[in-house]
């Protein structure tokens, strides 16, 4: 009898410690409200193209695809007559004059001194756009190039030669909200049959934290 009573006592202790069933949800209004995520502040709008920029891949054209589409619409001709896209456009050959790959366009910085507008890429190569009609100096290496340019209102328009000898021009323009830079690149063929390739790039403001 004493052992049986002790066993009953142990069962009472176990029942007292066991959970009484699923917990009921707390009444509405008693749970602490989740802390809202802080919105990332937009960069301050710019008044000119001067500053650091980063490529927006989603809003930019793919140079290689644009060149392939243009060749396809021209009867499948590949590179003949100096047609752009036949030798490295959108690839990884590097250099200046329309052949920059997306990797080489990742970051760039515009600065301006008088009539000279300088563009530095993230590989420390410099393009000097001369807007006063001065005689251009030939570069001795591919890290520096002088290019004729002019201002058309707030747009910077260049006059260049493509690597295959045809005409090429770029237009750099600030977006209406001052938070993006648009680059429109046009490359014309140098052969007898005139054709052109138009490529559009979009850049976002490069924040200080992204420059590392």
N, C-alpha and C. Protein backbone atom coordinates (compact mmCIF):
# COMPACT_ATOMS: atom_id res chain seq x y z
N UNK A 1 0.83 -1.21 0.00
CA UNK A 1 0.00 0.00 0.00
C UNK A 1 0.86 1.25 0.00
N UNK A 2 1.94 1.19 0.78
CA UNK A 2 2.81 2.37 0.82
C UNK A 2 3.44 2.62 -0.54
N UNK A 3 3.84 1.52 -1.22
CA UNK A 3 4.43 1.69 -2.56
C UNK A 3 3.43 2.21 -3.56
N UNK A 4 2.17 1.72 -3.45
CA UNK A 4 1.12 2.17 -4.38
C UNK A 4 0.83 3.65 -4.19
N UNK A 5 0.80 4.10 -2.93
CA UNK A 5 0.55 5.52 -2.65
C UNK A 5 1.68 6.37 -3.18
N UNK A 6 2.93 5.85 -3.07
CA UNK A 6 4.06 6.62 -3.62
C UNK A 6 3.98 6.76 -5.11
N UNK A 7 3.51 5.67 -5.78
CA UNK A 7 3.36 5.72 -7.24
C UNK A 7 2.32 6.73 -7.64
N UNK A 8 1.21 6.80 -6.89
CA UNK A 8 0.18 7.80 -7.19
C UNK A 8 0.73 9.20 -7.01
N UNK A 9 1.61 9.37 -6.03
CA UNK A 9 2.20 10.69 -5.82
C UNK A 9 3.06 11.13 -6.98
N UNK A 10 3.84 10.20 -7.53
CA UNK A 10 4.67 10.51 -8.68
C UNK A 10 3.82 10.87 -9.88
N UNK A 11 2.71 10.16 -10.09
CA UNK A 11 1.82 10.46 -11.23
C UNK A 11 1.23 11.85 -11.09
N UNK A 12 0.89 12.26 -9.84
CA UNK A 12 0.34 13.60 -9.63
C UNK A 12 1.36 14.67 -9.99
N UNK A 13 2.64 14.42 -9.65
CA UNK A 13 3.68 15.39 -9.97
C UNK A 13 3.87 15.50 -11.47
N UNK A 14 3.82 14.35 -12.18
CA UNK A 14 3.98 14.35 -13.63
C UNK A 14 2.86 15.10 -14.30
N UNK A 15 1.61 14.89 -13.79
CA UNK A 15 0.48 15.60 -14.39
C UNK A 15 0.60 17.10 -14.15
N UNK A 16 1.14 17.49 -13.05
CA UNK A 16 1.28 18.91 -12.76
C UNK A 16 2.31 19.58 -13.66
N UNK A 17 3.32 18.80 -14.06
CA UNK A 17 4.38 19.35 -14.91
C UNK A 17 4.06 19.26 -16.39
N UNK A 18 3.11 18.42 -16.81
CA UNK A 18 2.80 18.23 -18.23
C UNK A 18 2.08 19.46 -18.76
N UNK A 19 2.25 19.75 -20.04
CA UNK A 19 1.52 20.89 -20.63
C UNK A 19 0.05 20.64 -20.66
N UNK A 20 -0.71 21.68 -20.58
CA UNK A 20 -2.16 21.56 -20.49
C UNK A 20 -2.81 21.58 -21.86
N UNK A 21 -2.04 21.56 -22.94
CA UNK A 21 -2.62 21.58 -24.26
C UNK A 21 -2.05 22.73 -25.07
N UNK A 22 -2.45 22.89 -26.32
CA UNK A 22 -1.92 23.97 -27.16
C UNK A 22 -2.24 25.33 -26.57
N UNK A 23 -1.23 26.19 -26.64
CA UNK A 23 -1.42 27.53 -26.09
C UNK A 23 -2.33 28.36 -26.98
N UNK A 24 -3.16 29.11 -26.42
CA UNK A 24 -4.06 29.99 -27.17
C UNK A 24 -3.30 31.23 -27.63
N UNK A 25 -3.59 31.74 -28.83
CA UNK A 25 -2.92 32.96 -29.30
C UNK A 25 -3.25 34.13 -28.39
N UNK A 26 -2.29 35.04 -28.22
CA UNK A 26 -2.55 36.20 -27.37
C UNK A 26 -3.62 37.08 -27.98
N UNK A 27 -4.31 37.81 -27.16
CA UNK A 27 -5.37 38.71 -27.68
C UNK A 27 -4.78 39.72 -28.65
N UNK A 28 -5.60 40.13 -29.61
CA UNK A 28 -5.11 41.14 -30.56
C UNK A 28 -4.64 42.40 -29.85
N UNK A 29 -3.55 42.95 -30.37
CA UNK A 29 -3.04 44.19 -29.82
C UNK A 29 -2.01 44.00 -28.72
N UNK A 30 -1.82 42.71 -28.28
CA UNK A 30 -0.84 42.48 -27.21
C UNK A 30 0.54 42.14 -27.75
N UNK A 31 0.66 41.73 -29.04
CA UNK A 31 1.97 41.41 -29.63
C UNK A 31 2.67 42.70 -30.04
N UNK A 32 3.97 42.78 -29.81
CA UNK A 32 4.69 43.99 -30.25
C UNK A 32 4.72 44.09 -31.77
N UNK A 33 4.50 45.26 -32.30
CA UNK A 33 4.46 45.46 -33.75
C UNK A 33 5.87 45.29 -34.33
N UNK A 34 5.93 44.62 -35.51
CA UNK A 34 7.22 44.43 -36.18
C UNK A 34 7.77 45.79 -36.61
N UNK A 35 9.08 45.94 -36.43
CA UNK A 35 9.71 47.20 -36.79
C UNK A 35 9.78 47.33 -38.31
N UNK A 36 9.20 48.36 -38.88
CA UNK A 36 9.22 48.50 -40.35
C UNK A 36 10.64 48.71 -40.86
N UNK A 37 10.89 48.16 -42.05
CA UNK A 37 12.20 48.34 -42.66
C UNK A 37 12.40 49.79 -43.09
N UNK A 38 13.58 50.26 -42.83
CA UNK A 38 13.89 51.62 -43.22
C UNK A 38 14.14 51.69 -44.73
N UNK A 39 13.48 52.60 -45.39
CA UNK A 39 13.65 52.75 -46.84
C UNK A 39 15.03 53.31 -47.14
N UNK A 40 15.64 52.75 -48.19
CA UNK A 40 16.95 53.24 -48.61
C UNK A 40 16.77 54.60 -49.27
N UNK A 41 17.42 55.63 -48.76
CA UNK A 41 17.22 56.96 -49.34
C UNK A 41 17.76 57.04 -50.76
N UNK A 42 17.05 57.73 -51.62
CA UNK A 42 17.51 57.91 -52.99
C UNK A 42 18.67 58.89 -53.02
N UNK A 43 19.60 58.69 -53.96
CA UNK A 43 20.71 59.65 -54.06
C UNK A 43 20.21 61.02 -54.48
N UNK A 44 20.92 62.01 -54.06
CA UNK A 44 20.54 63.37 -54.44
C UNK A 44 20.68 63.54 -55.95
N UNK A 45 19.73 64.16 -56.61
CA UNK A 45 19.83 64.35 -58.07
C UNK A 45 21.01 65.23 -58.43
N UNK A 46 21.55 65.01 -59.61
CA UNK A 46 22.69 65.78 -60.09
C UNK A 46 22.23 66.80 -61.12
N UNK A 47 23.06 67.82 -61.27
CA UNK A 47 22.75 68.89 -62.21
C UNK A 47 23.52 68.75 -63.51
N UNK A 48 24.49 67.83 -63.57
CA UNK A 48 25.28 67.61 -64.78
C UNK A 48 25.76 66.18 -64.80
N UNK A 49 26.47 65.80 -65.86
CA UNK A 49 26.98 64.44 -65.98
C UNK A 49 28.21 64.20 -65.11
N UNK A 50 28.75 65.25 -64.51
CA UNK A 50 29.95 65.14 -63.69
C UNK A 50 29.66 64.29 -62.46
N UNK A 51 30.56 63.35 -62.17
CA UNK A 51 30.41 62.48 -61.01
C UNK A 51 30.71 61.04 -61.37
N UNK A 52 30.54 60.15 -60.39
CA UNK A 52 30.79 58.72 -60.57
C UNK A 52 29.49 58.00 -60.88
N UNK A 53 29.56 57.02 -61.80
CA UNK A 53 28.39 56.29 -62.26
C UNK A 53 28.69 54.80 -62.33
N UNK A 54 27.64 53.99 -62.21
CA UNK A 54 27.78 52.54 -62.36
C UNK A 54 26.75 52.04 -63.37
N UNK A 55 27.13 51.02 -64.13
CA UNK A 55 26.27 50.50 -65.20
C UNK A 55 25.03 49.83 -64.62
N UNK A 56 23.88 50.15 -65.20
CA UNK A 56 22.63 49.48 -64.88
C UNK A 56 22.37 48.45 -65.98
N UNK A 57 22.70 47.20 -65.70
CA UNK A 57 22.60 46.15 -66.72
C UNK A 57 21.17 45.92 -67.18
N UNK A 58 20.23 46.01 -66.24
CA UNK A 58 18.84 45.70 -66.56
C UNK A 58 18.25 46.69 -67.56
N UNK A 59 18.68 47.94 -67.51
CA UNK A 59 18.11 48.95 -68.39
C UNK A 59 18.99 49.25 -69.61
N UNK A 60 20.11 48.55 -69.73
CA UNK A 60 21.04 48.79 -70.85
C UNK A 60 20.91 47.70 -71.90
N UNK A 61 21.26 48.07 -73.14
CA UNK A 61 21.29 47.09 -74.22
C UNK A 61 22.49 46.17 -74.06
N UNK A 62 22.38 44.99 -74.67
CA UNK A 62 23.50 44.07 -74.77
C UNK A 62 24.16 44.31 -76.13
N UNK A 63 25.39 44.83 -76.11
CA UNK A 63 26.08 45.16 -77.36
C UNK A 63 26.18 43.97 -78.30
N UNK A 64 26.56 42.81 -77.78
CA UNK A 64 26.72 41.62 -78.64
C UNK A 64 25.40 41.24 -79.30
N UNK A 65 24.33 41.23 -78.50
CA UNK A 65 23.03 40.86 -79.05
C UNK A 65 22.56 41.87 -80.09
N UNK A 66 22.77 43.15 -79.82
CA UNK A 66 22.37 44.18 -80.78
C UNK A 66 23.12 44.01 -82.11
N UNK A 67 24.42 43.70 -82.02
CA UNK A 67 25.21 43.50 -83.23
C UNK A 67 24.75 42.27 -83.99
N UNK A 68 24.45 41.19 -83.28
CA UNK A 68 23.97 39.98 -83.94
C UNK A 68 22.62 40.20 -84.60
N UNK A 69 21.72 40.92 -83.92
CA UNK A 69 20.41 41.21 -84.50
C UNK A 69 20.55 42.06 -85.76
N UNK A 70 21.47 43.03 -85.73
CA UNK A 70 21.66 43.89 -86.89
C UNK A 70 22.25 43.12 -88.06
N UNK A 71 23.18 42.22 -87.79
CA UNK A 71 23.74 41.41 -88.87
C UNK A 71 22.69 40.50 -89.46
N UNK A 72 21.83 39.95 -88.57
CA UNK A 72 20.78 39.07 -89.06
C UNK A 72 19.81 39.79 -89.96
N UNK A 73 19.47 41.02 -89.63
CA UNK A 73 18.53 41.79 -90.46
C UNK A 73 19.17 42.25 -91.75
N UNK A 74 20.52 42.16 -91.85
CA UNK A 74 21.21 42.57 -93.07
C UNK A 74 21.62 41.42 -93.94
N UNK A 75 20.96 40.27 -93.75
CA UNK A 75 21.26 39.15 -94.62
C UNK A 75 22.36 38.24 -94.11
N UNK A 76 22.72 38.37 -92.82
CA UNK A 76 23.68 37.46 -92.24
C UNK A 76 25.12 37.78 -92.55
N UNK A 77 25.39 38.93 -93.09
CA UNK A 77 26.76 39.30 -93.40
C UNK A 77 27.53 39.56 -92.13
N UNK A 78 28.74 39.03 -92.04
CA UNK A 78 29.51 39.12 -90.80
C UNK A 78 30.78 39.91 -91.01
N UNK A 79 30.77 41.15 -90.55
CA UNK A 79 32.00 41.90 -90.45
C UNK A 79 32.53 42.48 -91.75
N UNK A 80 31.98 42.12 -92.88
CA UNK A 80 32.51 42.62 -94.13
C UNK A 80 32.30 44.10 -94.29
N UNK A 81 33.27 44.78 -94.94
CA UNK A 81 33.11 46.19 -95.21
C UNK A 81 33.15 47.05 -93.98
N UNK A 82 33.76 46.52 -92.92
CA UNK A 82 33.86 47.33 -91.71
C UNK A 82 32.59 47.40 -90.91
N UNK A 83 31.72 46.40 -91.08
CA UNK A 83 30.46 46.43 -90.33
C UNK A 83 30.73 46.22 -88.85
N UNK A 84 30.20 47.09 -87.98
CA UNK A 84 30.43 46.94 -86.55
C UNK A 84 29.84 45.65 -86.03
N UNK A 85 30.54 45.07 -85.08
CA UNK A 85 30.07 43.82 -84.50
C UNK A 85 30.81 42.63 -85.05
N UNK A 86 31.64 42.81 -86.06
CA UNK A 86 32.34 41.68 -86.65
C UNK A 86 33.62 41.35 -85.93
N UNK A 87 34.07 42.14 -84.99
CA UNK A 87 35.34 41.83 -84.38
C UNK A 87 35.48 42.39 -82.99
N UNK A 88 34.73 41.83 -82.05
CA UNK A 88 35.01 42.14 -80.66
C UNK A 88 34.01 43.06 -79.98
N UNK A 89 33.01 43.57 -80.65
CA UNK A 89 32.07 44.47 -79.98
C UNK A 89 31.30 43.68 -78.93
N UNK A 90 31.31 44.23 -77.73
CA UNK A 90 30.64 43.54 -76.64
C UNK A 90 31.46 42.41 -76.08
N UNK A 91 32.66 42.19 -76.54
CA UNK A 91 33.51 41.11 -76.07
C UNK A 91 34.44 41.58 -74.98
N UNK A 92 35.64 41.01 -74.96
CA UNK A 92 36.56 41.30 -73.87
C UNK A 92 37.91 41.75 -74.40
N UNK A 93 37.98 42.31 -75.59
CA UNK A 93 39.25 42.75 -76.13
C UNK A 93 39.76 44.00 -75.44
N UNK A 94 38.87 44.75 -74.89
CA UNK A 94 39.28 45.96 -74.18
C UNK A 94 39.56 47.08 -75.15
N UNK A 95 40.09 48.17 -74.61
CA UNK A 95 40.38 49.33 -75.44
C UNK A 95 39.26 50.32 -75.43
N UNK A 96 39.44 51.41 -76.18
CA UNK A 96 38.44 52.46 -76.22
C UNK A 96 37.83 52.53 -77.62
N UNK A 97 36.78 53.27 -77.74
CA UNK A 97 36.17 53.45 -79.05
C UNK A 97 35.06 52.48 -79.34
N UNK A 98 34.19 52.22 -78.36
CA UNK A 98 33.01 51.42 -78.63
C UNK A 98 33.15 49.96 -78.35
N UNK A 99 34.34 49.48 -77.99
CA UNK A 99 34.52 48.06 -77.77
C UNK A 99 34.51 47.68 -76.30
N UNK A 100 34.13 48.57 -75.43
CA UNK A 100 34.15 48.25 -74.03
C UNK A 100 33.11 47.17 -73.72
N UNK A 101 33.52 46.17 -72.96
CA UNK A 101 32.56 45.16 -72.52
C UNK A 101 31.79 45.70 -71.32
N UNK A 102 30.75 44.96 -70.91
CA UNK A 102 29.99 45.39 -69.74
C UNK A 102 30.88 45.46 -68.50
N UNK A 103 31.84 44.52 -68.41
CA UNK A 103 32.75 44.53 -67.27
C UNK A 103 33.57 45.81 -67.24
N UNK A 104 33.98 46.29 -68.41
CA UNK A 104 34.78 47.50 -68.48
C UNK A 104 33.94 48.76 -68.33
N UNK A 105 32.63 48.62 -68.40
CA UNK A 105 31.73 49.75 -68.23
C UNK A 105 31.15 49.80 -66.82
N UNK A 106 31.59 48.93 -65.95
CA UNK A 106 30.98 48.84 -64.62
C UNK A 106 30.95 50.17 -63.89
N UNK A 107 32.06 50.86 -63.86
CA UNK A 107 32.14 52.12 -63.14
C UNK A 107 32.90 53.14 -63.99
N UNK A 108 32.46 54.37 -63.96
CA UNK A 108 33.16 55.43 -64.66
C UNK A 108 32.87 56.76 -63.98
N UNK A 109 33.81 57.68 -64.16
CA UNK A 109 33.71 58.97 -63.49
C UNK A 109 33.97 60.10 -64.48
N UNK A 110 33.06 61.06 -64.53
CA UNK A 110 33.23 62.26 -65.35
C UNK A 110 33.75 63.41 -64.49
N UNK A 111 34.70 64.14 -65.05
CA UNK A 111 35.15 65.39 -64.45
C UNK A 111 35.30 66.40 -65.58
N UNK A 112 35.35 67.68 -65.23
CA UNK A 112 35.39 68.70 -66.26
C UNK A 112 36.32 69.83 -65.84
N UNK A 113 37.19 70.22 -66.77
CA UNK A 113 38.09 71.35 -66.56
C UNK A 113 38.02 72.24 -67.79
N UNK A 114 37.37 73.38 -67.68
CA UNK A 114 37.21 74.25 -68.83
C UNK A 114 36.46 73.56 -69.95
N UNK A 115 37.07 73.52 -71.14
CA UNK A 115 36.44 72.90 -72.30
C UNK A 115 36.74 71.42 -72.41
N UNK A 116 37.46 70.87 -71.45
CA UNK A 116 37.82 69.44 -71.49
C UNK A 116 36.97 68.66 -70.51
N UNK A 117 36.34 67.59 -71.01
CA UNK A 117 35.55 66.70 -70.18
C UNK A 117 36.26 65.36 -70.15
N UNK A 118 36.66 64.92 -68.97
CA UNK A 118 37.42 63.68 -68.84
C UNK A 118 36.54 62.56 -68.33
N UNK A 119 36.75 61.39 -68.91
CA UNK A 119 36.04 60.19 -68.49
C UNK A 119 37.06 59.13 -68.09
N UNK A 120 37.03 58.72 -66.83
CA UNK A 120 37.91 57.68 -66.32
C UNK A 120 37.08 56.43 -66.05
N UNK A 121 37.57 55.27 -66.53
CA UNK A 121 36.88 54.03 -66.22
C UNK A 121 37.52 53.39 -64.99
N UNK A 122 37.00 52.21 -64.60
CA UNK A 122 37.51 51.60 -63.38
C UNK A 122 38.83 50.87 -63.59
N UNK A 123 39.41 51.01 -64.79
CA UNK A 123 40.73 50.46 -65.06
C UNK A 123 41.75 51.58 -65.29
N UNK A 124 41.38 52.77 -64.82
CA UNK A 124 42.27 53.93 -64.88
C UNK A 124 42.63 54.32 -66.31
N UNK A 125 41.72 54.10 -67.25
CA UNK A 125 41.90 54.59 -68.62
C UNK A 125 41.11 55.87 -68.77
N UNK A 126 41.67 56.79 -69.52
CA UNK A 126 41.09 58.12 -69.61
C UNK A 126 40.75 58.48 -71.04
N UNK A 127 39.53 58.99 -71.22
CA UNK A 127 39.12 59.59 -72.49
C UNK A 127 38.92 61.07 -72.23
N UNK A 128 39.61 61.91 -73.00
CA UNK A 128 39.51 63.36 -72.85
C UNK A 128 38.69 63.91 -74.01
N UNK A 129 37.48 64.35 -73.72
CA UNK A 129 36.60 64.91 -74.74
C UNK A 129 36.86 66.41 -74.84
N UNK A 130 37.36 66.85 -75.98
CA UNK A 130 37.71 68.25 -76.20
C UNK A 130 36.56 68.95 -76.91
N UNK A 131 35.97 69.95 -76.27
CA UNK A 131 34.77 70.58 -76.80
C UNK A 131 35.04 71.96 -77.41
N UNK A 132 36.31 72.33 -77.54
CA UNK A 132 36.63 73.67 -78.07
C UNK A 132 37.27 73.63 -79.44
N UNK A 133 37.24 72.49 -80.11
CA UNK A 133 37.77 72.40 -81.47
C UNK A 133 39.28 72.37 -81.57
N UNK A 134 39.96 72.19 -80.48
CA UNK A 134 41.43 72.17 -80.52
C UNK A 134 41.95 70.96 -81.29
N UNK A 135 43.18 71.04 -81.75
CA UNK A 135 43.81 69.92 -82.45
C UNK A 135 44.08 68.80 -81.47
N UNK A 136 43.68 67.61 -81.86
CA UNK A 136 43.81 66.47 -80.96
C UNK A 136 45.23 65.90 -81.03
N UNK A 137 45.72 65.49 -79.88
CA UNK A 137 47.03 64.86 -79.80
C UNK A 137 46.87 63.34 -79.89
N UNK A 138 47.73 62.70 -80.69
CA UNK A 138 47.69 61.26 -80.81
C UNK A 138 48.26 60.62 -79.55
N UNK A 139 47.58 59.60 -79.10
CA UNK A 139 48.02 58.92 -77.89
C UNK A 139 49.06 57.85 -78.21
N UNK A 140 50.00 57.67 -77.28
CA UNK A 140 51.03 56.67 -77.46
C UNK A 140 50.68 55.34 -76.80
N UNK A 141 49.62 55.31 -76.05
CA UNK A 141 49.17 54.04 -75.44
C UNK A 141 47.64 54.07 -75.35
N UNK A 142 47.06 52.91 -74.99
CA UNK A 142 45.60 52.80 -74.97
C UNK A 142 45.00 53.26 -73.65
N UNK A 143 45.78 53.84 -72.78
CA UNK A 143 45.26 54.32 -71.50
C UNK A 143 44.83 55.79 -71.56
N UNK A 144 45.08 56.43 -72.70
CA UNK A 144 44.70 57.83 -72.84
C UNK A 144 44.32 58.09 -74.30
N UNK A 145 43.22 58.79 -74.49
CA UNK A 145 42.78 59.11 -75.84
C UNK A 145 42.04 60.45 -75.83
N UNK A 146 42.37 61.31 -76.79
CA UNK A 146 41.65 62.57 -76.96
C UNK A 146 40.61 62.41 -78.06
N UNK A 147 39.42 62.94 -77.80
CA UNK A 147 38.29 62.75 -78.70
C UNK A 147 37.60 64.08 -78.91
N UNK A 148 37.26 64.39 -80.17
CA UNK A 148 36.53 65.61 -80.47
C UNK A 148 35.09 65.48 -79.98
N UNK A 149 34.59 66.55 -79.38
CA UNK A 149 33.24 66.53 -78.85
C UNK A 149 32.66 67.94 -78.87
N UNK A 150 31.38 68.03 -78.58
CA UNK A 150 30.72 69.33 -78.51
C UNK A 150 29.52 69.22 -77.58
N UNK A 151 29.07 70.38 -77.11
CA UNK A 151 27.88 70.42 -76.28
C UNK A 151 26.68 70.76 -77.14
N UNK A 152 25.63 69.98 -77.00
CA UNK A 152 24.35 70.25 -77.63
C UNK A 152 23.34 70.45 -76.51
N UNK A 153 23.23 71.69 -76.03
CA UNK A 153 22.45 71.93 -74.83
C UNK A 153 23.17 71.32 -73.64
N UNK A 154 22.49 70.40 -72.95
CA UNK A 154 23.11 69.70 -71.82
C UNK A 154 23.69 68.35 -72.23
N UNK A 155 23.65 68.03 -73.49
CA UNK A 155 24.15 66.74 -73.96
C UNK A 155 25.58 66.89 -74.46
N UNK A 156 26.43 65.94 -74.11
CA UNK A 156 27.78 65.88 -74.62
C UNK A 156 27.80 64.91 -75.80
N UNK A 157 28.16 65.41 -76.99
CA UNK A 157 28.13 64.61 -78.22
C UNK A 157 29.56 64.48 -78.74
N UNK A 158 29.98 63.25 -79.01
CA UNK A 158 31.34 63.01 -79.48
C UNK A 158 31.35 62.70 -80.98
N UNK A 159 32.50 62.89 -81.59
CA UNK A 159 32.71 62.55 -82.99
C UNK A 159 33.96 61.67 -83.05
N UNK A 160 33.78 60.39 -83.35
CA UNK A 160 34.88 59.45 -83.29
C UNK A 160 34.93 58.57 -84.53
N UNK A 161 35.93 57.73 -84.59
CA UNK A 161 36.02 56.69 -85.61
C UNK A 161 35.93 55.33 -84.92
N UNK A 162 35.17 54.44 -85.52
CA UNK A 162 35.08 53.11 -84.96
C UNK A 162 36.39 52.36 -85.22
N UNK A 163 36.65 51.28 -84.49
CA UNK A 163 37.88 50.52 -84.72
C UNK A 163 38.00 49.98 -86.13
N UNK A 164 36.90 49.91 -86.89
CA UNK A 164 36.94 49.42 -88.26
C UNK A 164 36.89 50.55 -89.28
N UNK A 165 37.06 51.77 -88.83
CA UNK A 165 37.18 52.87 -89.78
C UNK A 165 35.90 53.62 -90.08
N UNK A 166 34.78 53.18 -89.57
CA UNK A 166 33.54 53.88 -89.82
C UNK A 166 33.34 55.03 -88.85
N UNK A 167 32.25 55.76 -89.03
CA UNK A 167 31.93 56.87 -88.13
C UNK A 167 31.28 56.33 -86.86
N UNK A 168 31.52 57.04 -85.79
CA UNK A 168 30.94 56.65 -84.52
C UNK A 168 30.69 57.90 -83.69
N UNK A 169 29.62 57.91 -82.95
CA UNK A 169 29.31 59.03 -82.08
C UNK A 169 28.67 58.53 -80.80
N UNK A 170 28.88 59.29 -79.75
CA UNK A 170 28.25 59.01 -78.47
C UNK A 170 27.51 60.26 -78.00
N UNK A 171 26.44 60.03 -77.30
CA UNK A 171 25.73 61.13 -76.65
C UNK A 171 25.54 60.78 -75.18
N UNK A 172 26.07 61.63 -74.32
CA UNK A 172 25.89 61.46 -72.88
C UNK A 172 24.89 62.51 -72.41
N UNK A 173 23.89 62.06 -71.69
CA UNK A 173 22.83 62.98 -71.27
C UNK A 173 22.28 62.58 -69.91
N UNK A 174 22.04 63.56 -69.06
CA UNK A 174 21.47 63.32 -67.74
C UNK A 174 19.97 63.07 -67.88
N UNK A 175 19.46 62.13 -67.10
CA UNK A 175 18.02 61.85 -67.13
C UNK A 175 17.25 63.03 -66.55
N UNK A 176 15.95 63.14 -66.86
CA UNK A 176 15.16 64.28 -66.37
C UNK A 176 15.15 64.40 -64.85
N UNK A 177 15.22 63.26 -64.11
CA UNK A 177 15.20 63.35 -62.66
C UNK A 177 16.59 63.54 -62.06
N UNK A 178 17.63 63.56 -62.90
CA UNK A 178 18.98 63.82 -62.41
C UNK A 178 19.62 62.67 -61.67
N UNK A 179 19.05 61.46 -61.78
CA UNK A 179 19.58 60.33 -61.03
C UNK A 179 20.16 59.23 -61.92
N UNK A 180 20.11 59.42 -63.24
CA UNK A 180 20.69 58.46 -64.16
C UNK A 180 21.41 59.18 -65.30
N UNK A 181 22.37 58.47 -65.88
CA UNK A 181 23.09 58.98 -67.04
C UNK A 181 22.80 58.05 -68.21
N UNK A 182 22.46 58.62 -69.34
CA UNK A 182 22.15 57.84 -70.54
C UNK A 182 23.26 58.03 -71.57
N UNK A 183 23.73 56.94 -72.12
CA UNK A 183 24.73 56.98 -73.19
C UNK A 183 24.14 56.30 -74.42
N UNK A 184 24.06 57.03 -75.52
CA UNK A 184 23.60 56.48 -76.78
C UNK A 184 24.79 56.39 -77.73
N UNK A 185 25.09 55.18 -78.14
CA UNK A 185 26.24 54.92 -79.00
C UNK A 185 25.75 54.54 -80.40
N UNK A 186 26.24 55.24 -81.41
CA UNK A 186 25.90 54.92 -82.80
C UNK A 186 27.18 54.62 -83.57
N UNK A 187 27.22 53.46 -84.22
CA UNK A 187 28.36 53.04 -85.03
C UNK A 187 27.87 52.81 -86.45
N UNK A 188 28.53 53.44 -87.41
CA UNK A 188 28.15 53.31 -88.81
C UNK A 188 29.19 52.48 -89.55
N UNK A 189 28.71 51.69 -90.50
CA UNK A 189 29.61 50.84 -91.27
C UNK A 189 30.45 51.68 -92.21
N UNK A 190 31.61 51.15 -92.58
CA UNK A 190 32.51 51.86 -93.48
C UNK A 190 32.48 51.30 -94.90
N UNK A 191 31.62 50.31 -95.15
CA UNK A 191 31.53 49.73 -96.47
C UNK A 191 30.64 50.53 -97.39
N UNK A 192 30.41 49.99 -98.58
CA UNK A 192 29.60 50.70 -99.57
C UNK A 192 28.14 50.80 -99.16
N UNK A 193 27.64 49.78 -98.49
CA UNK A 193 26.24 49.78 -98.07
C UNK A 193 26.16 50.36 -96.66
N UNK A 194 25.47 51.49 -96.55
CA UNK A 194 25.43 52.18 -95.26
C UNK A 194 24.49 51.46 -94.30
N UNK A 195 25.04 51.11 -93.15
CA UNK A 195 24.24 50.55 -92.06
C UNK A 195 24.75 51.13 -90.76
N UNK A 196 23.91 51.09 -89.76
CA UNK A 196 24.31 51.65 -88.48
C UNK A 196 23.83 50.75 -87.35
N UNK A 197 24.52 50.86 -86.24
CA UNK A 197 24.18 50.10 -85.04
C UNK A 197 23.99 51.09 -83.89
N UNK A 198 22.86 51.04 -83.23
CA UNK A 198 22.57 51.92 -82.11
C UNK A 198 22.46 51.10 -80.83
N UNK A 199 23.19 51.52 -79.81
CA UNK A 199 23.20 50.83 -78.52
C UNK A 199 22.96 51.86 -77.42
N UNK A 200 22.12 51.49 -76.48
CA UNK A 200 21.72 52.41 -75.40
C UNK A 200 22.19 51.85 -74.05
N UNK A 201 22.88 52.70 -73.28
CA UNK A 201 23.35 52.32 -71.95
C UNK A 201 22.76 53.27 -70.91
N UNK A 202 22.51 52.72 -69.74
CA UNK A 202 21.99 53.52 -68.62
C UNK A 202 22.90 53.30 -67.42
N UNK A 203 23.23 54.38 -66.73
CA UNK A 203 24.08 54.33 -65.55
C UNK A 203 23.36 54.98 -64.37
N UNK A 204 23.57 54.39 -63.19
CA UNK A 204 23.03 54.94 -61.95
C UNK A 204 24.14 55.68 -61.20
N UNK A 205 23.72 56.56 -60.30
CA UNK A 205 24.69 57.27 -59.47
C UNK A 205 25.44 56.27 -58.60
N UNK A 206 26.74 56.38 -58.59
CA UNK A 206 27.59 55.51 -57.78
C UNK A 206 27.75 56.13 -56.40
N UNK A 207 27.18 55.46 -55.40
CA UNK A 207 27.28 55.98 -54.04
C UNK A 207 28.69 55.82 -53.50
N UNK A 208 29.02 56.59 -52.49
CA UNK A 208 30.35 56.57 -51.92
C UNK A 208 30.71 55.17 -51.40
N UNK A 209 29.70 54.46 -50.83
CA UNK A 209 29.97 53.14 -50.27
C UNK A 209 30.27 52.10 -51.34
N UNK A 210 29.83 52.34 -52.59
CA UNK A 210 30.04 51.38 -53.67
C UNK A 210 31.36 51.59 -54.40
N UNK A 211 32.15 52.58 -54.03
CA UNK A 211 33.34 52.89 -54.79
C UNK A 211 34.55 52.06 -54.39
N UNK A 212 34.38 51.23 -53.37
CA UNK A 212 35.51 50.43 -52.91
C UNK A 212 35.68 49.23 -53.82
